[in-house]
Amino acid sequence: MFVALWEYEVKPGCEERFENAYGPAGDWARLFRSDSNYRETRLLRDPVRPAIYLTLDFWNSQEAYEQFMAAHKNRYKMLDAAGEELTSQERRIGWYELVGP
């Protein structure tokens, strides 16, 4: 299992829109669900720094994720541009492989 992990700082007043777009039922997850190698998206919010969120996108493999991104780069760019209106910072934390069963 592969996980793409991103961190966002959400602009004040944009929290609900961000959560709707980046959460498990949001625009990104809807796009990802078109691929059978996508597993799920989880959205986390920092209770100490409430403007900070993490997204965790779970895929069967890094290869599947990269192939999906290459095949859907135009839609990805559109969603990413819309997300920039809601955030002041975006940072790729990393790509990870699940360890163990």
PDB file of N, CA and C in Angstrom:
ATOM      1  N   MET A   1       0.850  -1.175   0.000  1.00  0.00           N
ATOM      2  CA  MET A   1       0.000   0.000   0.000  1.00  0.00           C
ATOM      3  C   MET A   1       0.891   1.232   0.000  1.00  0.00           C
ATOM      4  N   PHE A   2       0.516   2.211  -0.799  1.00  0.00           N
ATOM      5  CA  PHE A   2       1.246   3.461  -0.970  1.00  0.00           C
ATOM      6  C   PHE A   2       0.400   4.613  -0.441  1.00  0.00           C
ATOM      7  N   VAL A   3       1.052   5.592   0.209  1.00  0.00           N
ATOM      8  CA  VAL A   3       0.347   6.760   0.739  1.00  0.00           C
ATOM      9  C   VAL A   3       1.062   8.032   0.286  1.00  0.00           C
ATOM     10  N   ALA A   4       0.308   8.934  -0.318  1.00  0.00           N
ATOM     11  CA  ALA A   4       0.807  10.268  -0.645  1.00  0.00           C
ATOM     12  C   ALA A   4       0.339  11.203   0.463  1.00  0.00           C
ATOM     13  N   LEU A   5       1.284  11.883   1.119  1.00  0.00           N
ATOM     14  CA  LEU A   5       0.985  12.705   2.289  1.00  0.00           C
ATOM     15  C   LEU A   5       1.303  14.163   1.990  1.00  0.00           C
ATOM     16  N   TRP A   6       0.289  15.030   2.157  1.00  0.00           N
ATOM     17  CA  TRP A   6       0.420  16.461   1.884  1.00  0.00           C
ATOM     18  C   TRP A   6      -0.008  17.263   3.100  1.00  0.00           C
ATOM     19  N   GLU A   7       0.621  18.423   3.285  1.00  0.00           N
ATOM     20  CA  GLU A   7       0.256  19.348   4.355  1.00  0.00           C
ATOM     21  C   GLU A   7      -0.219  20.656   3.736  1.00  0.00           C
ATOM     22  N   TYR A   8      -1.274  21.226   4.319  1.00  0.00           N
ATOM     23  CA  TYR A   8      -1.846  22.484   3.835  1.00  0.00           C
ATOM     24  C   TYR A   8      -2.054  23.442   4.993  1.00  0.00           C
ATOM     25  N   GLU A   9      -1.821  24.708   4.735  1.00  0.00           N
ATOM     26  CA  GLU A   9      -2.243  25.760   5.661  1.00  0.00           C
ATOM     27  C   GLU A   9      -3.419  26.457   4.994  1.00  0.00           C
ATOM     28  N   VAL A  10      -4.572  26.378   5.631  1.00  0.00           N
ATOM     29  CA  VAL A  10      -5.812  26.883   5.052  1.00  0.00           C
ATOM     30  C   VAL A  10      -6.042  28.328   5.487  1.00  0.00           C
ATOM     31  N   LYS A  11      -6.442  29.149   4.542  1.00  0.00           N
ATOM     32  CA  LYS A  11      -6.711  30.561   4.822  1.00  0.00           C
ATOM     33  C   LYS A  11      -7.899  30.681   5.779  1.00  0.00           C
ATOM     34  N   PRO A  12      -7.861  31.688   6.662  1.00  0.00           N
ATOM     35  CA  PRO A  12      -8.983  31.895   7.586  1.00  0.00           C
ATOM     36  C   PRO A  12     -10.296  32.066   6.818  1.00  0.00           C
ATOM     37  N   GLY A  13     -11.336  31.401   7.293  1.00  0.00           N
ATOM     38  CA  GLY A  13     -12.646  31.486   6.662  1.00  0.00           C
ATOM     39  C   GLY A  13     -12.857  30.496   5.530  1.00  0.00           C
ATOM     40  N   CYS A  14     -11.824  29.755   5.144  1.00  0.00           N
ATOM     41  CA  CYS A  14     -11.923  28.803   4.032  1.00  0.00           C
ATOM     42  C   CYS A  14     -11.958  27.353   4.505  1.00  0.00           C
ATOM     43  N   GLU A  15     -12.017  27.129   5.803  1.00  0.00           N
ATOM     44  CA  GLU A  15     -11.915  25.783   6.354  1.00  0.00           C
ATOM     45  C   GLU A  15     -13.003  24.843   5.830  1.00  0.00           C
ATOM     46  N   GLU A  16     -14.237  25.285   5.851  1.00  0.00           N
ATOM     47  CA  GLU A  16     -15.330  24.409   5.417  1.00  0.00           C
ATOM     48  C   GLU A  16     -15.204  24.060   3.929  1.00  0.00           C
ATOM     49  N   ARG A  17     -14.893  25.034   3.109  1.00  0.00           N
ATOM     50  CA  ARG A  17     -14.711  24.768   1.674  1.00  0.00           C
ATOM     51  C   ARG A  17     -13.542  23.822   1.440  1.00  0.00           C
ATOM     52  N   PHE A  18     -12.462  24.026   2.186  1.00  0.00           N
ATOM     53  CA  PHE A  18     -11.309  23.139   2.060  1.00  0.00           C
ATOM     54  C   PHE A  18     -11.688  21.707   2.450  1.00  0.00           C
ATOM     55  N   GLU A  19     -12.334  21.549   3.581  1.00  0.00           N
ATOM     56  CA  GLU A  19     -12.733  20.221   4.047  1.00  0.00           C
ATOM     57  C   GLU A  19     -13.652  19.536   3.045  1.00  0.00           C
ATOM     58  N   ASN A  20     -14.547  20.294   2.432  1.00  0.00           N
ATOM     59  CA  ASN A  20     -15.444  19.720   1.417  1.00  0.00           C
ATOM     60  C   ASN A  20     -14.697  19.289   0.166  1.00  0.00           C
ATOM     61  N   ALA A  21     -13.667  20.024  -0.204  1.00  0.00           N
ATOM     62  CA  ALA A  21     -12.913  19.704  -1.425  1.00  0.00           C
ATOM     63  C   ALA A  21     -11.889  18.603  -1.203  1.00  0.00           C
ATOM     64  N   TYR A  22     -11.258  18.580  -0.034  1.00  0.00           N
ATOM     65  CA  TYR A  22     -10.133  17.679   0.202  1.00  0.00           C
ATOM     66  C   TYR A  22     -10.478  16.473   1.075  1.00  0.00           C
ATOM     67  N   GLY A  23     -11.673  16.415   1.602  1.00  0.00           N
ATOM     68  CA  GLY A  23     -12.075  15.306   2.458  1.00  0.00           C
ATOM     69  C   GLY A  23     -12.425  14.051   1.670  1.00  0.00           C
ATOM     70  N   PRO A  24     -12.812  12.991   2.369  1.00  0.00           N
ATOM     71  CA  PRO A  24     -13.084  11.694   1.739  1.00  0.00           C
ATOM     72  C   PRO A  24     -14.216  11.703   0.708  1.00  0.00           C
ATOM     73  N   ALA A  25     -15.093  12.697   0.770  1.00  0.00           N
ATOM     74  CA  ALA A  25     -16.178  12.792  -0.210  1.00  0.00           C
ATOM     75  C   ALA A  25     -15.981  13.974  -1.148  1.00  0.00           C
ATOM     76  N   GLY A  26     -14.785  14.566  -1.123  1.00  0.00           N
ATOM     77  CA  GLY A  26     -14.526  15.785  -1.874  1.00  0.00           C
ATOM     78  C   GLY A  26     -14.126  15.573  -3.321  1.00  0.00           C
ATOM     79  N   ASP A  27     -13.785  16.686  -3.949  1.00  0.00           N
ATOM     80  CA  ASP A  27     -13.447  16.695  -5.378  1.00  0.00           C
ATOM     81  C   ASP A  27     -12.271  15.786  -5.710  1.00  0.00           C
ATOM     82  N   TRP A  28     -11.236  15.831  -4.855  1.00  0.00           N
ATOM     83  CA  TRP A  28     -10.054  15.004  -5.119  1.00  0.00           C
ATOM     84  C   TRP A  28     -10.403  13.520  -5.032  1.00  0.00           C
ATOM     85  N   ALA A  29     -11.101  13.131  -3.980  1.00  0.00           N
ATOM     86  CA  ALA A  29     -11.453  11.720  -3.803  1.00  0.00           C
ATOM     87  C   ALA A  29     -12.358  11.245  -4.936  1.00  0.00           C
ATOM     88  N   ARG A  30     -13.267  12.110  -5.398  1.00  0.00           N
ATOM     89  CA  ARG A  30     -14.128  11.723  -6.523  1.00  0.00           C
ATOM     90  C   ARG A  30     -13.297  11.461  -7.777  1.00  0.00           C
ATOM     91  N   LEU A  31     -12.307  12.311  -8.001  1.00  0.00           N
ATOM     92  CA  LEU A  31     -11.422  12.094  -9.148  1.00  0.00           C
ATOM     93  C   LEU A  31     -10.661  10.783  -8.984  1.00  0.00           C
ATOM     94  N   PHE A  32     -10.070  10.572  -7.823  1.00  0.00           N
ATOM     95  CA  PHE A  32      -9.276   9.367  -7.583  1.00  0.00           C
ATOM     96  C   PHE A  32     -10.109   8.095  -7.692  1.00  0.00           C
ATOM     97  N   ARG A  33     -11.371   8.151  -7.265  1.00  0.00           N
ATOM     98  CA  ARG A  33     -12.227   6.950  -7.281  1.00  0.00           C
ATOM     99  C   ARG A  33     -12.463   6.390  -8.676  1.00  0.00           C
ATOM    100  N   SER A  34     -12.136   7.150  -9.695  1.00  0.00           N
ATOM    101  CA  SER A  34     -12.290   6.631 -11.062  1.00  0.00           C
ATOM    102  C   SER A  34     -11.255   5.552 -11.382  1.00  0.00           C
ATOM    103  N   ASP A  35     -10.290   5.357 -10.489  1.00  0.00           N
ATOM    104  CA  ASP A  35      -9.240   4.345 -10.689  1.00  0.00           C
ATOM    105  C   ASP A  35      -9.388   3.236  -9.655  1.00  0.00           C
ATOM    106  N   SER A  36      -9.370   1.991 -10.102  1.00  0.00           N
ATOM    107  CA  SER A  36      -9.549   0.854  -9.197  1.00  0.00           C
ATOM    108  C   SER A  36      -8.379   0.657  -8.235  1.00  0.00           C
ATOM    109  N   ASN A  37      -7.248   1.310  -8.484  1.00  0.00           N
ATOM    110  CA  ASN A  37      -6.091   1.202  -7.590  1.00  0.00           C
ATOM    111  C   ASN A  37      -6.125   2.184  -6.423  1.00  0.00           C
ATOM    112  N   TYR A  38      -7.068   3.101  -6.448  1.00  0.00           N
ATOM    113  CA  TYR A  38      -7.246   4.050  -5.349  1.00  0.00           C
ATOM    114  C   TYR A  38      -7.996   3.363  -4.222  1.00  0.00           C
ATOM    115  N   ARG A  39      -7.574   3.608  -2.993  1.00  0.00           N
ATOM    116  CA  ARG A  39      -8.199   2.989  -1.826  1.00  0.00           C
ATOM    117  C   ARG A  39      -9.040   3.971  -1.019  1.00  0.00           C
ATOM    118  N   GLU A  40      -8.446   5.066  -0.576  1.00  0.00           N
ATOM    119  CA  GLU A  40      -9.200   6.035   0.227  1.00  0.00           C
ATOM    120  C   GLU A  40      -8.375   7.292   0.456  1.00  0.00           C
ATOM    121  N   THR A  41      -9.080   8.327   0.906  1.00  0.00           N
ATOM    122  CA  THR A  41      -8.461   9.573   1.331  1.00  0.00           C
ATOM    123  C   THR A  41      -8.872   9.836   2.771  1.00  0.00           C
ATOM    124  N   ARG A  42      -7.898  10.266   3.559  1.00  0.00           N
ATOM    125  CA  ARG A  42      -8.182  10.696   4.928  1.00  0.00           C
ATOM    126  C   ARG A  42      -7.712  12.132   5.077  1.00  0.00           C
ATOM    127  N   LEU A  43      -8.500  12.909   5.812  1.00  0.00           N
ATOM    128  CA  LEU A  43      -8.185  14.314   6.057  1.00  0.00           C
ATOM    129  C   LEU A  43      -8.032  14.499   7.559  1.00  0.00           C
ATOM    130  N   LEU A  44      -6.896  15.069   7.968  1.00  0.00           N
ATOM    131  CA  LEU A  44      -6.607  15.316   9.382  1.00  0.00           C
ATOM    132  C   LEU A  44      -6.438  16.808   9.611  1.00  0.00           C
ATOM    133  N   ARG A  45      -6.917  17.271  10.768  1.00  0.00           N
ATOM    134  CA  ARG A  45      -6.752  18.678  11.146  1.00  0.00           C
ATOM    135  C   ARG A  45      -5.991  18.739  12.458  1.00  0.00           C
ATOM    136  N   ASP A  46      -5.021  19.621  12.537  1.00  0.00           N
ATOM    137  CA  ASP A  46      -4.193  19.784  13.728  1.00  0.00           C
ATOM    138  C   ASP A  46      -5.004  20.509  14.809  1.00  0.00           C
ATOM    139  N   PRO A  47      -5.231  19.894  15.974  1.00  0.00           N
ATOM    140  CA  PRO A  47      -6.025  20.555  17.020  1.00  0.00           C
ATOM    141  C   PRO A  47      -5.298  21.728  17.686  1.00  0.00           C
ATOM    142  N   VAL A  48      -3.969  21.764  17.602  1.00  0.00           N
ATOM    143  CA  VAL A  48      -3.194  22.851  18.196  1.00  0.00           C
ATOM    144  C   VAL A  48      -3.056  24.018  17.217  1.00  0.00           C
ATOM    145  N   ARG A  49      -2.894  23.686  15.943  1.00  0.00           N
ATOM    146  CA  ARG A  49      -2.783  24.697  14.877  1.00  0.00           C
ATOM    147  C   ARG A  49      -3.923  24.435  13.894  1.00  0.00           C
ATOM    148  N   PRO A  50      -5.132  24.928  14.173  1.00  0.00           N
ATOM    149  CA  PRO A  50      -6.314  24.531  13.396  1.00  0.00           C
ATOM    150  C   PRO A  50      -6.308  24.902  11.919  1.00  0.00           C
ATOM    151  N   ALA A  51      -5.374  25.721  11.483  1.00  0.00           N
ATOM    152  CA  ALA A  51      -5.287  26.048  10.052  1.00  0.00           C
ATOM    153  C   ALA A  51      -4.502  24.982   9.292  1.00  0.00           C
ATOM    154  N   ILE A  52      -3.865  24.045   9.998  1.00  0.00           N
ATOM    155  CA  ILE A  52      -3.009  23.043   9.367  1.00  0.00           C
ATOM    156  C   ILE A  52      -3.776  21.732   9.186  1.00  0.00           C
ATOM    157  N   TYR A  53      -3.745  21.233   7.967  1.00  0.00           N
ATOM    158  CA  TYR A  53      -4.405  19.974   7.610  1.00  0.00           C
ATOM    159  C   TYR A  53      -3.404  19.042   6.938  1.00  0.00           C
ATOM    160  N   LEU A  54      -3.656  17.756   7.043  1.00  0.00           N
ATOM    161  CA  LEU A  54      -2.918  16.745   6.291  1.00  0.00           C
ATOM    162  C   LEU A  54      -3.908  15.941   5.475  1.00  0.00           C
ATOM    163  N   THR A  55      -3.524  15.619   4.240  1.00  0.00           N
ATOM    164  CA  THR A  55      -4.286  14.646   3.454  1.00  0.00           C
ATOM    165  C   THR A  55      -3.430  13.411   3.269  1.00  0.00           C
ATOM    166  N   LEU A  56      -4.065  12.259   3.367  1.00  0.00           N
ATOM    167  CA  LEU A  56      -3.417  10.973   3.142  1.00  0.00           C
ATOM    168  C   LEU A  56      -4.220  10.260   2.062  1.00  0.00           C
ATOM    169  N   ASP A  57      -3.619  10.067   0.910  1.00  0.00           N
ATOM    170  CA  ASP A  57      -4.265   9.382  -0.209  1.00  0.00           C
ATOM    171  C   ASP A  57      -3.641   8.000  -0.332  1.00  0.00           C
ATOM    172  N   PHE A  58      -4.466   6.971  -0.169  1.00  0.00           N
ATOM    173  CA  PHE A  58      -4.010   5.585  -0.171  1.00  0.00           C
ATOM    174  C   PHE A  58      -4.260   4.944  -1.532  1.00  0.00           C
ATOM    175  N   TRP A  59      -3.212   4.314  -2.068  1.00  0.00           N
ATOM    176  CA  TRP A  59      -3.254   3.651  -3.368  1.00  0.00           C
ATOM    177  C   TRP A  59      -2.648   2.263  -3.229  1.00  0.00           C
ATOM    178  N   ASN A  60      -2.940   1.394  -4.178  1.00  0.00           N
ATOM    179  CA  ASN A  60      -2.352   0.054  -4.156  1.00  0.00           C
ATOM    180  C   ASN A  60      -0.836   0.092  -4.303  1.00  0.00           C
ATOM    181  N   SER A  61      -0.319   1.047  -5.091  1.00  0.00           N
ATOM    182  CA  SER A  61       1.124   1.137  -5.309  1.00  0.00           C
ATOM    183  C   SER A  61       1.484   2.546  -5.768  1.00  0.00           C
ATOM    184  N   GLN A  62       2.755   2.872  -5.619  1.00  0.00           N
ATOM    185  CA  GLN A  62       3.236   4.155  -6.110  1.00  0.00           C
ATOM    186  C   GLN A  62       3.124   4.212  -7.632  1.00  0.00           C
ATOM    187  N   GLU A  63       3.407   3.110  -8.281  1.00  0.00           N
ATOM    188  CA  GLU A  63       3.299   3.062  -9.741  1.00  0.00           C
ATOM    189  C   GLU A  63       1.879   3.394 -10.201  1.00  0.00           C
ATOM    190  N   ALA A  64       0.884   2.817  -9.546  1.00  0.00           N
ATOM    191  CA  ALA A  64      -0.516   3.086  -9.903  1.00  0.00           C
ATOM    192  C   ALA A  64      -0.843   4.568  -9.710  1.00  0.00           C
ATOM    193  N   TYR A  65      -0.365   5.126  -8.610  1.00  0.00           N
ATOM    194  CA  TYR A  65      -0.572   6.554  -8.319  1.00  0.00           C
ATOM    195  C   TYR A  65       0.055   7.420  -9.405  1.00  0.00           C
ATOM    196  N   GLU A  66       1.294   7.143  -9.749  1.00  0.00           N
ATOM    197  CA  GLU A  66       1.992   7.941 -10.752  1.00  0.00           C
ATOM    198  C   GLU A  66       1.342   7.809 -12.133  1.00  0.00           C
ATOM    199  N   GLN A  67       0.898   6.622 -12.483  1.00  0.00           N
ATOM    200  CA  GLN A  67       0.211   6.425 -13.763  1.00  0.00           C
ATOM    201  C   GLN A  67      -1.095   7.212 -13.795  1.00  0.00           C
ATOM    202  N   PHE A  68      -1.828   7.172 -12.689  1.00  0.00           N
ATOM    203  CA  PHE A  68      -3.083   7.923 -12.611  1.00  0.00           C
ATOM    204  C   PHE A  68      -2.808   9.417 -12.783  1.00  0.00           C
ATOM    205  N   MET A  69      -1.813   9.924 -12.067  1.00  0.00           N
ATOM    206  CA  MET A  69      -1.505  11.347 -12.141  1.00  0.00           C
ATOM    207  C   MET A  69      -1.104  11.760 -13.553  1.00  0.00           C
ATOM    208  N   ALA A  70      -0.324  10.947 -14.219  1.00  0.00           N
ATOM    209  CA  ALA A  70       0.090  11.260 -15.591  1.00  0.00           C
ATOM    210  C   ALA A  70      -1.112  11.268 -16.532  1.00  0.00           C
ATOM    211  N   ALA A  71      -2.019  10.334 -16.342  1.00  0.00           N
ATOM    212  CA  ALA A  71      -3.181  10.220 -17.228  1.00  0.00           C
ATOM    213  C   ALA A  71      -4.225  11.309 -16.974  1.00  0.00           C
ATOM    214  N   HIS A  72      -4.219  11.895 -15.782  1.00  0.00           N
ATOM    215  CA  HIS A  72      -5.245  12.883 -15.406  1.00  0.00           C
ATOM    216  C   HIS A  72      -4.635  14.237 -15.043  1.00  0.00           C
ATOM    217  N   LYS A  73      -3.507  14.572 -15.662  1.00  0.00           N
ATOM    218  CA  LYS A  73      -2.796  15.780 -15.260  1.00  0.00           C
ATOM    219  C   LYS A  73      -3.587  17.060 -15.484  1.00  0.00           C
ATOM    220  N   ASN A  74      -4.422  17.123 -16.512  1.00  0.00           N
ATOM    221  CA  ASN A  74      -5.193  18.342 -16.762  1.00  0.00           C
ATOM    222  C   ASN A  74      -6.249  18.566 -15.678  1.00  0.00           C
ATOM    223  N   ARG A  75      -6.972  17.520 -15.325  1.00  0.00           N
ATOM    224  CA  ARG A  75      -7.976  17.627 -14.251  1.00  0.00           C
ATOM    225  C   ARG A  75      -7.282  17.925 -12.922  1.00  0.00           C
ATOM    226  N   TYR A  76      -6.130  17.300 -12.688  1.00  0.00           N
ATOM    227  CA  TYR A  76      -5.355  17.542 -11.475  1.00  0.00           C
ATOM    228  C   TYR A  76      -4.985  19.022 -11.376  1.00  0.00           C
ATOM    229  N   LYS A  77      -4.502  19.593 -12.469  1.00  0.00           N
ATOM    230  CA  LYS A  77      -4.103  21.006 -12.474  1.00  0.00           C
ATOM    231  C   LYS A  77      -5.282  21.918 -12.170  1.00  0.00           C
ATOM    232  N   MET A  78      -6.467  21.579 -12.696  1.00  0.00           N
ATOM    233  CA  MET A  78      -7.659  22.385 -12.436  1.00  0.00           C
ATOM    234  C   MET A  78      -8.025  22.348 -10.953  1.00  0.00           C
ATOM    235  N   LEU A  79      -8.042  21.164 -10.368  1.00  0.00           N
ATOM    236  CA  LEU A  79      -8.371  21.046  -8.948  1.00  0.00           C
ATOM    237  C   LEU A  79      -7.312  21.721  -8.084  1.00  0.00           C
ATOM    238  N   ASP A  80      -6.065  21.588  -8.456  1.00  0.00           N
ATOM    239  CA  ASP A  80      -4.977  22.196  -7.703  1.00  0.00           C
ATOM    240  C   ASP A  80      -5.103  23.720  -7.729  1.00  0.00           C
ATOM    241  N   ALA A  81      -5.429  24.281  -8.872  1.00  0.00           N
ATOM    242  CA  ALA A  81      -5.600  25.737  -8.992  1.00  0.00           C
ATOM    243  C   ALA A  81      -6.761  26.213  -8.116  1.00  0.00           C
ATOM    244  N   ALA A  82      -7.849  25.468  -8.094  1.00  0.00           N
ATOM    245  CA  ALA A  82      -8.987  25.831  -7.243  1.00  0.00           C
ATOM    246  C   ALA A  82      -8.596  25.764  -5.770  1.00  0.00           C
ATOM    247  N   GLY A  83      -7.780  24.786  -5.409  1.00  0.00           N
ATOM    248  CA  GLY A  83      -7.331  24.647  -4.029  1.00  0.00           C
ATOM    249  C   GLY A  83      -6.421  25.775  -3.587  1.00  0.00           C
ATOM    250  N   GLU A  84      -5.687  26.351  -4.506  1.00  0.00           N
ATOM    251  CA  GLU A  84      -4.779  27.449  -4.163  1.00  0.00           C
ATOM    252  C   GLU A  84      -5.536  28.662  -3.626  1.00  0.00           C
ATOM    253  N   GLU A  85      -6.794  28.816  -4.010  1.00  0.00           N
ATOM    254  CA  GLU A  85      -7.617  29.909  -3.488  1.00  0.00           C
ATOM    255  C   GLU A  85      -7.923  29.721  -2.006  1.00  0.00           C
ATOM    256  N   LEU A  86      -7.853  28.475  -1.531  1.00  0.00           N
ATOM    257  CA  LEU A  86      -8.233  28.149  -0.155  1.00  0.00           C
ATOM    258  C   LEU A  86      -7.048  28.050   0.792  1.00  0.00           C
ATOM    259  N   THR A  87      -5.847  27.978   0.245  1.00  0.00           N
ATOM    260  CA  THR A  87      -4.670  27.724   1.080  1.00  0.00           C
ATOM    261  C   THR A  87      -3.612  28.817   0.920  1.00  0.00           C
ATOM    262  N   SER A  88      -2.828  28.992   1.988  1.00  0.00           N
ATOM    263  CA  SER A  88      -1.707  29.918   1.907  1.00  0.00           C
ATOM    264  C   SER A  88      -0.399  29.165   1.697  1.00  0.00           C
ATOM    265  N   GLN A  89      -0.389  27.859   2.048  1.00  0.00           N
ATOM    266  CA  GLN A  89       0.782  27.021   1.810  1.00  0.00           C
ATOM    267  C   GLN A  89       0.348  25.589   1.525  1.00  0.00           C
ATOM    268  N   GLU A  90       1.142  24.936   0.700  1.00  0.00           N
ATOM    269  CA  GLU A  90       0.944  23.513   0.386  1.00  0.00           C
ATOM    270  C   GLU A  90       2.331  22.879   0.340  1.00  0.00           C
ATOM    271  N   ARG A  91       2.451  21.718   0.981  1.00  0.00           N
ATOM    272  CA  ARG A  91       3.765  21.072   1.017  1.00  0.00           C
ATOM    273  C   ARG A  91       3.598  19.565   0.918  1.00  0.00           C
ATOM    274  N   ARG A  92       4.335  18.980  -0.010  1.00  0.00           N
ATOM    275  CA  ARG A  92       4.365  17.522  -0.085  1.00  0.00           C
ATOM    276  C   ARG A  92       5.268  17.030   1.039  1.00  0.00           C
ATOM    277  N   ILE A  93       4.690  16.313   1.979  1.00  0.00           N
ATOM    278  CA  ILE A  93       5.478  15.762   3.090  1.00  0.00           C
ATOM    279  C   ILE A  93       6.277  14.577   2.569  1.00  0.00           C
ATOM    280  N   GLY A  94       5.637  13.736   1.777  1.00  0.00           N
ATOM    281  CA  GLY A  94       6.361  12.607   1.211  1.00  0.00           C
ATOM    282  C   GLY A  94       5.445  11.531   0.698  1.00  0.00           C
ATOM    283  N   TRP A  95       6.075  10.551   0.095  1.00  0.00           N
ATOM    284  CA  TRP A  95       5.391   9.364  -0.409  1.00  0.00           C
ATOM    285  C   TRP A  95       5.888   8.195   0.422  1.00  0.00           C
ATOM    286  N   TYR A  96       4.978   7.387   0.905  1.00  0.00           N
ATOM    287  CA  TYR A  96       5.325   6.334   1.837  1.00  0.00           C
ATOM    288  C   TYR A  96       4.718   4.999   1.433  1.00  0.00           C
ATOM    289  N   GLU A  97       5.412   3.937   1.810  1.00  0.00           N
ATOM    290  CA  GLU A  97       4.926   2.577   1.637  1.00  0.00           C
ATOM    291  C   GLU A  97       4.528   2.042   2.996  1.00  0.00           C
ATOM    292  N   LEU A  98       3.381   1.385   3.074  1.00  0.00           N
ATOM    293  CA  LEU A  98       2.920   0.777   4.310  1.00  0.00           C
ATOM    294  C   LEU A  98       3.810  -0.405   4.660  1.00  0.00           C
ATOM    295  N   VAL A  99       4.199  -0.487   5.915  1.00  0.00           N
ATOM    296  CA  VAL A  99       5.063  -1.561   6.398  1.00  0.00           C
ATOM    297  C   VAL A  99       4.196  -2.569   7.159  1.00  0.00           C
ATOM    298  N   GLY A 100       4.413  -3.828   6.892  1.00  0.00           N
ATOM    299  CA  GLY A 100       3.691  -4.869   7.612  1.00  0.00           C
ATOM    300  C   GLY A 100       2.420  -5.300   6.893  1.00  0.00           C
ATOM    301  N   PRO A 101       1.680  -6.218   7.544  1.00  0.00           N
ATOM    302  CA  PRO A 101       0.482  -6.788   6.893  1.00  0.00           C
ATOM    303  C   PRO A 101      -0.650  -5.811   6.730  1.00  0.00           C
TER     304      PRO A 101
END
